[in-house]
Amino acid sequence: MSSGTQRLGPDTGMLGTDPGGALVLRRVLVRVVSGNDRGVERVLEAGTILVGSHPDADLVIRDSTVSRYHAELALLPEGVRVRDLKSTNGTFVGDSRVESVVVSPGSEIRLGRTRVELLPADVPIPEAPSERVRFGRLVGASAPMRRLYGMLERVAATDAPVLIFGEPGVGKNEAARAVHELSARRGGAFVELDLRAGLSPEAVLEELERARGGTLALDRVDEAPKPVQDALAVALDRRERHAIDARPIALARGDLRAQVEAGSLRRDLWFSLAAVRVEVPPLRDRLEDLPRLVHDLIRDIGYPDVGLTPSELGLLRAHDFPGNVRELRRMIEETLLTSDRASVPPPAPHQVAVTEDLVQLPFKRAKEKLLDAFEKRYVMTLLERHDGNVSRAAQEAGVDRNHLARLAKKHNLR
């Protein structure tokens, strides 16, 4: 697979987002601005352009100071890579002779005596909200969610690196997994890697290797300590050189630009990981999705025939949900736990039985004990199946990793 580019119809280029967050096809116009070939242009999109005096070059420059194959231009997420091909008279950016350098669109380079401009030529992609009411485990039919699904559909059709950001609990991990499952990499592994403190730098490359042919979700990029950032930069460089075939999807609470400017995040990581930026909207901006979300969460918890009353839904609508969908799930669990409407507890493994001692207790207390027993057995079995790996166990269970970790801690399983 290509690294970061994919044909998307008659217009090609590298998928990206402009400063306002709109999707664009990233392209650069390469224009000769001096000499006999002044005004000659070529569009740099997918792949590379060879510049030189040889007739077979992609951009032919008739200048005796330009070598037959003088330089190679390649479009990357961070700009245009200009690589000198051991030319006689050199390739220059300003007054500096370069061997390989990445410059931003709008720059000018010089090959021998000929000057060449690299001009931005992005092609806007019209917004196309999806008709979906769910995308993987993401649920909602509101306008913000349908716009999100439309962007994720576009992203899944490419191999571009992507940054998925949003507040805690909005469903960033679910979005990343859904992109993987809709992409051409769905037959490969989906590997989640938490980049917070405690991760060894060596593990970054190991997990990228484990995701070979698949997708590596890099969680908590905004909290990665410097040694982990350094290791990640090395690993992503190997990917750029096609030594590793894995697509990175970065997950963070914000779109990282402020951290880059503050110096707490390496600038090259921003360029390598944020070719496309997708924001998952907070729940307070899509409260019309609450009835559908509540129904889906209650069914997921194990009570498909139970619903909330209009007054209970009204109370939920009045809440601002700082913890987003994760908080909504916890509130529903607490509501069901204290409600006699859920007269039948969720299905439990055969080891958890309704004993005579249990039925002697008040209903609420009996249900709490049965739920605790179910939780402990369920989490213990999951962790045993995955050799204690919480991320993989959470993926199988379809729950948030932190939620599963809290359950494991609650029942002294970690």
Protein backbone atom coordinates (compact mmCIF):
# COMPACT_ATOMS: atom_id res chain seq x y z
CA MET A 1 0.00 0.00 0.00
CA SER A 2 1.08 3.54 -0.59
CA SER A 3 2.12 5.67 2.34
CA GLY A 4 -0.42 8.44 2.77
CA THR A 5 -1.88 8.69 -0.74
CA GLN A 6 -4.79 7.08 -2.54
CA ARG A 7 -6.64 7.73 -5.79
CA LEU A 8 -10.04 9.25 -5.06
CA GLY A 9 -11.43 9.77 -8.55
CA PRO A 10 -10.49 12.21 -11.32
CA ASP A 11 -8.64 14.55 -8.94
CA THR A 12 -5.73 13.01 -7.11
CA GLY A 13 -3.51 14.15 -4.32
CA MET A 14 -2.75 13.53 -0.70
CA LEU A 15 -5.80 13.69 1.55
CA GLY A 16 -5.48 16.42 4.15
CA THR A 17 -7.35 19.06 6.12
CA ASP A 18 -7.03 22.81 5.73
CA PRO A 19 -6.61 25.16 8.74
CA GLY A 20 -10.40 25.29 9.12
CA GLY A 21 -10.68 21.50 9.34
CA ALA A 22 -12.21 20.96 5.86
CA LEU A 23 -11.02 18.01 3.77
CA VAL A 24 -8.82 18.82 0.77
CA LEU A 25 -6.73 16.94 -1.76
CA ARG A 26 -3.23 18.23 -1.08
CA ARG A 27 -1.44 19.14 -4.34
CA VAL A 28 1.45 21.39 -5.35
CA LEU A 29 1.99 23.22 -8.64
CA VAL A 30 5.63 23.06 -9.74
CA ARG A 31 6.33 26.05 -12.02
CA VAL A 32 9.55 27.15 -13.76
CA VAL A 33 9.97 30.91 -13.21
CA SER A 34 13.25 31.67 -15.05
CA GLY A 35 15.15 30.68 -18.19
CA ASN A 36 14.00 29.24 -21.51
CA ASP A 37 11.28 27.14 -19.89
CA ARG A 38 9.72 29.90 -17.86
CA GLY A 39 6.00 29.18 -17.33
CA VAL A 40 6.24 25.39 -17.74
CA GLU A 41 4.21 23.66 -15.02
CA ARG A 42 3.62 20.22 -13.59
CA VAL A 43 1.26 19.15 -10.79
CA LEU A 44 2.79 17.23 -7.90
CA GLU A 45 0.25 14.91 -6.30
CA ALA A 46 0.72 11.19 -5.67
CA GLY A 47 4.24 9.80 -6.16
CA THR A 48 7.24 11.87 -7.22
CA ILE A 49 8.40 14.18 -10.01
CA LEU A 50 11.87 13.92 -11.55
CA VAL A 51 13.29 17.26 -12.66
CA GLY A 52 16.17 17.47 -15.11
CA SER A 53 17.40 18.18 -18.63
CA HIS A 54 16.85 14.63 -19.92
CA PRO A 55 13.81 14.28 -22.24
CA ASP A 56 12.46 11.48 -20.06
CA ALA A 57 12.32 13.67 -16.94
CA ASP A 58 8.84 14.53 -15.68
CA LEU A 59 9.71 18.23 -15.73
CA VAL A 60 12.23 18.96 -18.49
CA ILE A 61 14.41 22.05 -18.04
CA ARG A 62 16.58 23.11 -20.99
CA ASP A 63 19.45 24.60 -19.04
CA SER A 64 23.10 23.56 -19.43
CA THR A 65 23.60 23.97 -15.66
CA VAL A 66 20.82 21.44 -14.91
CA SER A 67 21.86 17.77 -14.76
CA ARG A 68 20.07 15.08 -16.76
CA TYR A 69 18.26 13.90 -13.61
CA HIS A 70 18.85 16.77 -11.24
CA ALA A 71 16.32 16.50 -8.39
CA GLU A 72 13.33 14.54 -7.15
CA LEU A 73 10.23 16.19 -5.65
CA ALA A 74 7.83 14.21 -3.44
CA LEU A 75 4.65 15.30 -1.66
CA LEU A 76 4.58 14.43 2.04
CA PRO A 77 2.10 15.32 4.79
CA GLU A 78 4.53 17.94 6.07
CA GLY A 79 5.37 19.56 2.71
CA VAL A 80 7.49 18.84 -0.36
CA ARG A 81 10.63 16.78 -0.03
CA VAL A 82 13.34 18.12 -2.35
CA ARG A 83 16.11 15.58 -2.92
CA ASP A 84 19.18 16.37 -4.98
CA LEU A 85 20.20 13.46 -7.24
CA LYS A 86 23.95 14.11 -7.04
CA SER A 87 23.68 16.91 -9.57
CA THR A 88 26.77 18.73 -10.85
CA ASN A 89 25.71 22.26 -9.97
CA GLY A 90 23.54 21.54 -6.96
CA THR A 91 20.04 22.17 -5.66
CA PHE A 92 19.52 25.24 -3.51
CA VAL A 93 16.92 26.54 -1.07
CA GLY A 94 17.81 30.18 -0.58
CA ASP A 95 21.58 30.34 -0.49
CA SER A 96 21.97 26.85 0.98
CA ARG A 97 22.89 23.85 -1.13
CA VAL A 98 20.81 20.88 0.00
CA GLU A 99 20.92 17.11 -0.36
CA SER A 100 17.43 16.40 1.00
CA VAL A 101 15.09 18.84 2.69
CA VAL A 102 11.35 19.30 3.26
CA VAL A 103 10.01 22.73 2.31
CA SER A 104 6.52 24.13 2.64
CA PRO A 105 4.32 24.96 -0.38
CA GLY A 106 5.00 28.54 -1.42
CA SER A 107 8.77 28.01 -1.40
CA GLU A 108 11.21 28.55 -4.26
CA ILE A 109 14.15 26.29 -5.11
CA ARG A 110 17.02 26.71 -7.57
CA LEU A 111 18.47 24.00 -9.79
CA GLY A 112 21.67 25.22 -11.40
CA ARG A 113 20.65 28.67 -12.67
CA THR A 114 16.93 27.85 -13.00
CA ARG A 115 14.44 28.94 -10.36
CA VAL A 116 11.35 26.79 -9.66
CA GLU A 117 8.31 27.72 -7.53
CA LEU A 118 6.34 25.22 -5.46
CA LEU A 119 2.83 26.66 -5.22
CA PRO A 120 -0.09 25.30 -3.14
CA ALA A 121 -2.85 23.92 -5.40
CA ASP A 122 -5.18 22.17 -2.94
CA VAL A 123 -8.50 20.93 -4.27
CA PRO A 124 -11.40 21.30 -1.78
CA ILE A 125 -13.49 18.18 -1.25
CA PRO A 126 -17.19 19.04 -1.00
CA GLU A 127 -18.71 18.13 2.34
CA ALA A 128 -20.77 14.95 1.98
CA PRO A 129 -22.61 14.00 5.20
CA SER A 130 -23.22 10.28 5.43
CA GLU A 131 -26.66 8.68 5.50
CA ARG A 132 -25.50 6.29 8.25
CA VAL A 133 -27.02 6.26 11.72
CA ARG A 134 -24.03 4.35 13.09
CA PHE A 135 -20.40 3.95 12.12
CA GLY A 136 -18.90 0.90 13.75
CA ARG A 137 -19.73 1.34 17.44
CA LEU A 138 -20.41 5.07 17.05
CA VAL A 139 -24.15 5.78 17.23
CA GLY A 140 -26.12 8.88 16.19
CA ALA A 141 -28.07 10.39 13.31
CA SER A 142 -27.57 14.09 14.18
CA ALA A 143 -25.97 16.47 11.67
CA PRO A 144 -22.61 16.58 13.56
CA MET A 145 -22.40 12.78 13.56
CA ARG A 146 -23.36 12.42 9.90
CA ARG A 147 -20.64 14.96 9.02
CA LEU A 148 -18.21 12.91 11.11
CA TYR A 149 -19.21 9.68 9.36
CA GLY A 150 -18.75 11.37 5.98
CA MET A 151 -15.18 12.39 6.88
CA LEU A 152 -14.38 8.95 8.29
CA GLU A 153 -15.67 7.28 5.13
CA ARG A 154 -13.31 9.46 3.06
CA VAL A 155 -10.43 8.73 5.42
CA ALA A 156 -11.08 4.97 5.37
CA ALA A 157 -10.85 4.96 1.57
CA THR A 158 -7.22 6.17 1.77
CA ASP A 159 -4.09 5.14 3.60
CA ALA A 160 -3.40 8.63 4.95
CA PRO A 161 -2.22 9.11 8.54
CA VAL A 162 -5.05 10.62 10.57
CA LEU A 163 -5.45 12.39 13.91
CA ILE A 164 -8.77 11.71 15.61
CA PHE A 165 -9.29 14.14 18.47
CA GLY A 166 -11.98 15.12 20.91
CA GLU A 167 -12.90 15.33 24.58
CA PRO A 168 -12.54 12.28 26.84
CA GLY A 169 -15.32 9.75 26.36
CA VAL A 170 -16.54 10.85 22.91
CA GLY A 171 -15.55 7.61 21.17
CA LYS A 172 -12.16 8.25 19.56
CA ASN A 173 -11.06 4.61 19.87
CA GLU A 174 -14.35 3.44 18.36
CA ALA A 175 -13.83 5.84 15.45
CA ALA A 176 -10.31 4.53 14.85
CA ARG A 177 -11.46 0.91 14.87
CA ALA A 178 -14.34 1.73 12.51
CA VAL A 179 -11.92 3.37 10.05
CA HIS A 180 -9.75 0.26 10.17
CA GLU A 181 -12.68 -2.08 9.60
CA LEU A 182 -13.89 -0.06 6.60
CA SER A 183 -10.42 0.27 5.06
CA ALA A 184 -8.43 -2.02 2.77
CA ARG A 185 -6.40 -2.96 5.89
CA ARG A 186 -9.33 -4.65 7.66
CA GLY A 187 -7.75 -8.06 7.11
CA GLY A 188 -4.73 -7.00 9.16
CA ALA A 189 -4.36 -6.43 12.88
CA PHE A 190 -5.82 -3.46 14.73
CA VAL A 191 -3.35 -2.68 17.51
CA GLU A 192 -3.89 -0.05 20.22
CA LEU A 193 -0.88 1.49 21.96
CA ASP A 194 -1.19 3.80 24.97
CA LEU A 195 1.66 6.33 24.69
CA ARG A 196 1.51 7.66 28.24
CA ALA A 197 4.31 7.38 30.79
CA GLY A 198 5.27 3.79 31.58
CA LEU A 199 5.63 2.70 27.96
CA SER A 200 9.14 1.69 26.97
CA PRO A 201 10.49 3.30 23.77
CA GLU A 202 11.29 -0.18 22.44
CA ALA A 203 7.62 -1.13 22.62
CA VAL A 204 6.72 1.54 20.04
CA LEU A 205 8.61 -0.18 17.23
CA GLU A 206 7.49 -3.62 18.45
CA GLU A 207 3.82 -2.65 18.26
CA LEU A 208 4.26 -1.00 14.87
CA GLU A 209 5.78 -4.26 13.65
CA ARG A 210 2.88 -6.20 15.19
CA ALA A 211 0.46 -4.00 13.23
CA ARG A 212 2.23 -4.78 9.93
CA GLY A 213 -0.41 -4.89 7.21
CA GLY A 214 -2.96 -3.36 9.57
CA THR A 215 -3.52 -0.28 11.70
CA LEU A 216 -1.78 1.07 14.81
CA ALA A 217 -3.96 3.32 16.98
CA LEU A 218 -1.63 5.61 18.95
CA ASP A 219 -3.65 6.59 22.01
CA ARG A 220 -2.85 9.62 24.20
CA VAL A 221 -0.38 11.19 21.76
CA ASP A 222 -0.88 14.44 23.68
CA GLU A 223 0.52 12.78 26.83
CA ALA A 224 3.51 10.98 25.30
CA PRO A 225 6.77 11.69 27.18
CA LYS A 226 9.79 12.81 25.18
CA PRO A 227 11.57 9.40 25.00
CA VAL A 228 8.38 7.87 23.58
CA GLN A 229 8.03 10.74 21.10
CA ASP A 230 11.62 10.18 19.96
CA ALA A 231 11.02 6.45 19.48
CA LEU A 232 7.78 7.14 17.62
CA ALA A 233 9.54 9.55 15.25
CA VAL A 234 12.12 6.87 14.41
CA ALA A 235 9.39 4.27 13.86
CA LEU A 236 7.35 6.57 11.62
CA ASP A 237 10.46 7.39 9.61
CA ARG A 238 10.81 3.67 8.88
CA ARG A 239 7.21 3.68 7.70
CA GLU A 240 7.83 6.69 5.43
CA ARG A 241 10.71 4.74 3.86
CA HIS A 242 8.32 1.77 3.33
CA ALA A 243 10.28 -0.42 5.76
CA ILE A 244 7.08 -1.01 7.75
CA ASP A 245 3.60 -1.33 6.27
CA ALA A 246 1.21 -0.11 8.97
CA ARG A 247 -1.17 2.82 9.04
CA PRO A 248 -0.93 5.09 12.09
CA ILE A 249 -4.07 6.64 13.58
CA ALA A 250 -3.29 9.10 16.36
CA LEU A 251 -5.78 9.76 19.17
CA ALA A 252 -5.68 12.85 21.37
CA ARG A 253 -7.87 15.19 23.42
CA GLY A 254 -7.03 18.15 21.15
CA ASP A 255 -5.68 18.68 17.64
CA LEU A 256 -2.15 19.15 19.07
CA ARG A 257 -1.24 22.45 17.38
CA ALA A 258 -0.97 24.29 20.70
CA GLN A 259 1.38 21.61 22.06
CA VAL A 260 3.57 21.83 18.97
CA GLU A 261 3.83 25.60 19.33
CA ALA A 262 4.56 25.24 23.07
CA GLY A 263 7.35 22.77 22.30
CA SER A 264 5.86 19.86 24.26
CA LEU A 265 5.27 17.82 21.09
CA ARG A 266 7.78 17.23 18.33
CA ARG A 267 6.86 19.20 15.21
CA ASP A 268 7.75 16.30 12.91
CA LEU A 269 5.24 14.10 14.74
CA TRP A 270 2.53 16.69 14.09
CA PHE A 271 3.35 16.62 10.39
CA SER A 272 3.60 12.83 10.23
CA LEU A 273 0.44 12.05 12.21
CA ALA A 274 -1.94 14.90 11.44
CA ALA A 275 -2.14 14.84 7.63
CA VAL A 276 -5.88 14.58 8.21
CA ARG A 277 -7.54 15.90 11.37
CA VAL A 278 -10.98 14.65 12.40
CA GLU A 279 -12.82 15.89 15.48
CA VAL A 280 -15.41 13.72 17.24
CA PRO A 281 -18.15 16.06 18.54
CA PRO A 282 -18.99 16.17 22.27
CA LEU A 283 -22.31 14.70 23.38
CA ARG A 284 -23.67 18.13 24.45
CA ASP A 285 -23.57 19.19 20.78
CA ARG A 286 -25.75 16.27 19.65
CA LEU A 287 -28.31 15.73 22.40
CA GLU A 288 -30.89 14.77 19.76
CA ASP A 289 -29.00 11.46 19.57
CA LEU A 290 -29.80 10.66 23.23
CA PRO A 291 -32.83 8.35 22.66
CA ARG A 292 -30.94 6.27 20.10
CA LEU A 293 -27.79 6.23 22.24
CA VAL A 294 -29.67 5.28 25.40
CA HIS A 295 -31.46 2.42 23.63
CA ASP A 296 -28.17 1.15 22.20
CA LEU A 297 -26.30 1.39 25.52
CA ILE A 298 -29.06 -0.35 27.50
CA ARG A 299 -29.03 -3.20 24.99
CA ASP A 300 -25.22 -3.35 25.14
CA ILE A 301 -25.30 -3.53 28.95
CA GLY A 302 -27.62 -6.53 28.72
CA TYR A 303 -31.21 -5.26 29.11
CA PRO A 304 -32.65 -5.22 25.55
CA ASP A 305 -36.28 -5.03 26.78
CA VAL A 306 -35.82 -2.15 29.23
CA GLY A 307 -36.16 1.56 28.49
CA LEU A 308 -35.96 4.86 30.36
CA THR A 309 -39.05 6.93 31.07
CA PRO A 310 -39.62 10.32 29.36
CA SER A 311 -38.84 12.07 32.64
CA GLU A 312 -35.54 10.19 32.95
CA LEU A 313 -34.66 11.11 29.37
CA GLY A 314 -35.57 14.71 30.19
CA LEU A 315 -33.13 14.72 33.09
CA LEU A 316 -30.43 13.40 30.78
CA ARG A 317 -31.11 16.16 28.25
CA ALA A 318 -30.56 18.76 30.96
CA HIS A 319 -27.09 17.36 31.70
CA ASP A 320 -24.00 18.77 29.95
CA PHE A 321 -22.05 15.45 30.02
CA PRO A 322 -18.45 16.53 30.63
CA GLY A 323 -17.59 12.83 30.38
CA ASN A 324 -19.59 12.43 27.14
CA VAL A 325 -20.82 8.97 26.04
CA ARG A 326 -18.68 7.26 28.67
CA GLU A 327 -20.44 9.26 31.38
CA LEU A 328 -23.84 8.53 29.82
CA ARG A 329 -23.13 4.81 29.97
CA ARG A 330 -22.18 5.05 33.66
CA MET A 331 -25.36 7.01 34.43
CA ILE A 332 -27.49 4.39 32.67
CA GLU A 333 -25.77 1.58 34.55
CA GLU A 334 -26.47 3.34 37.86
CA THR A 335 -30.10 3.97 36.86
CA LEU A 336 -30.67 0.32 35.98
CA LEU A 337 -28.90 -0.86 39.11
CA THR A 338 -31.26 1.11 41.35
CA SER A 339 -34.41 0.39 39.34
CA ASP A 340 -36.74 -2.57 39.84
CA ARG A 341 -37.75 -2.43 36.17
CA ALA A 342 -34.71 -4.52 35.28
CA SER A 343 -36.16 -7.57 37.00
CA VAL A 344 -33.86 -9.95 35.15
CA PRO A 345 -30.14 -9.29 35.50
CA PRO A 346 -27.82 -9.51 32.49
CA PRO A 347 -26.98 -13.05 31.37
CA ALA A 348 -24.22 -14.43 33.57
CA PRO A 349 -21.69 -17.20 33.00
CA HIS A 350 -22.75 -20.61 34.27
CA GLN A 351 -20.39 -20.25 37.25
CA VAL A 352 -22.57 -17.41 38.63
CA ALA A 353 -25.76 -18.91 40.06
CA VAL A 354 -28.83 -17.53 41.82
CA THR A 355 -28.42 -19.37 45.12
CA GLU A 356 -30.90 -19.78 47.98
CA ASP A 357 -28.82 -17.38 50.07
CA LEU A 358 -29.07 -14.78 47.31
CA VAL A 359 -32.86 -14.86 47.11
CA GLN A 360 -33.06 -14.26 50.87
CA LEU A 361 -31.64 -10.78 50.31
CA PRO A 362 -33.65 -7.69 49.28
CA PHE A 363 -33.95 -7.49 45.51
CA LYS A 364 -31.67 -4.49 45.10
CA ARG A 365 -28.91 -6.01 47.23
CA ALA A 366 -29.24 -9.39 45.51
CA LYS A 367 -28.95 -7.79 42.09
CA GLU A 368 -25.85 -5.85 43.16
CA LYS A 369 -24.16 -9.03 44.39
CA LEU A 370 -25.08 -10.90 41.21
CA LEU A 371 -23.81 -8.07 39.02
CA ASP A 372 -20.56 -7.95 41.00
CA ALA A 373 -20.11 -11.69 40.55
CA PHE A 374 -20.87 -11.40 36.85
CA GLU A 375 -18.45 -8.50 36.41
CA LYS A 376 -15.64 -10.30 38.20
CA ARG A 377 -16.07 -13.56 36.29
CA TYR A 378 -16.47 -11.79 32.95
CA VAL A 379 -13.41 -9.54 33.40
CA MET A 380 -11.30 -12.38 34.80
CA THR A 381 -12.14 -14.62 31.84
CA LEU A 382 -11.39 -11.86 29.35
CA LEU A 383 -8.02 -11.04 30.91
CA GLU A 384 -7.05 -14.71 31.08
CA ARG A 385 -7.91 -15.11 27.40
CA HIS A 386 -5.66 -12.19 26.48
CA ASP A 387 -2.80 -12.90 28.90
CA GLY A 388 -3.63 -9.86 31.00
CA ASN A 389 -3.56 -7.39 28.08
CA VAL A 390 -6.27 -4.88 29.00
CA SER A 391 -6.31 -3.17 25.59
CA ARG A 392 -6.97 -6.38 23.67
CA ALA A 393 -9.52 -7.57 26.26
CA ALA A 394 -11.38 -4.25 26.00
CA GLN A 395 -11.41 -4.51 22.21
CA GLU A 396 -13.06 -7.93 22.35
CA ALA A 397 -15.60 -6.79 24.94
CA GLY A 398 -16.38 -3.61 23.00
CA VAL A 399 -15.81 -1.39 26.03
CA ASP A 400 -13.49 1.49 26.81
CA ARG A 401 -10.04 0.36 27.96
CA ASN A 402 -10.09 2.59 31.05
CA HIS A 403 -13.54 1.28 32.04
CA LEU A 404 -12.28 -2.31 31.87
CA ALA A 405 -9.16 -1.36 33.83
CA ARG A 406 -11.35 0.16 36.57
CA LEU A 407 -13.45 -3.00 36.74
CA ALA A 408 -10.31 -5.12 37.00
CA LYS A 409 -9.00 -2.93 39.82
CA LYS A 410 -12.39 -2.97 41.56
CA HIS A 411 -12.34 -6.78 41.69
CA ASN A 412 -8.60 -7.02 42.58
CA LEU A 413 -7.75 -8.63 39.25
CA ARG A 414 -4.79 -6.31 38.59
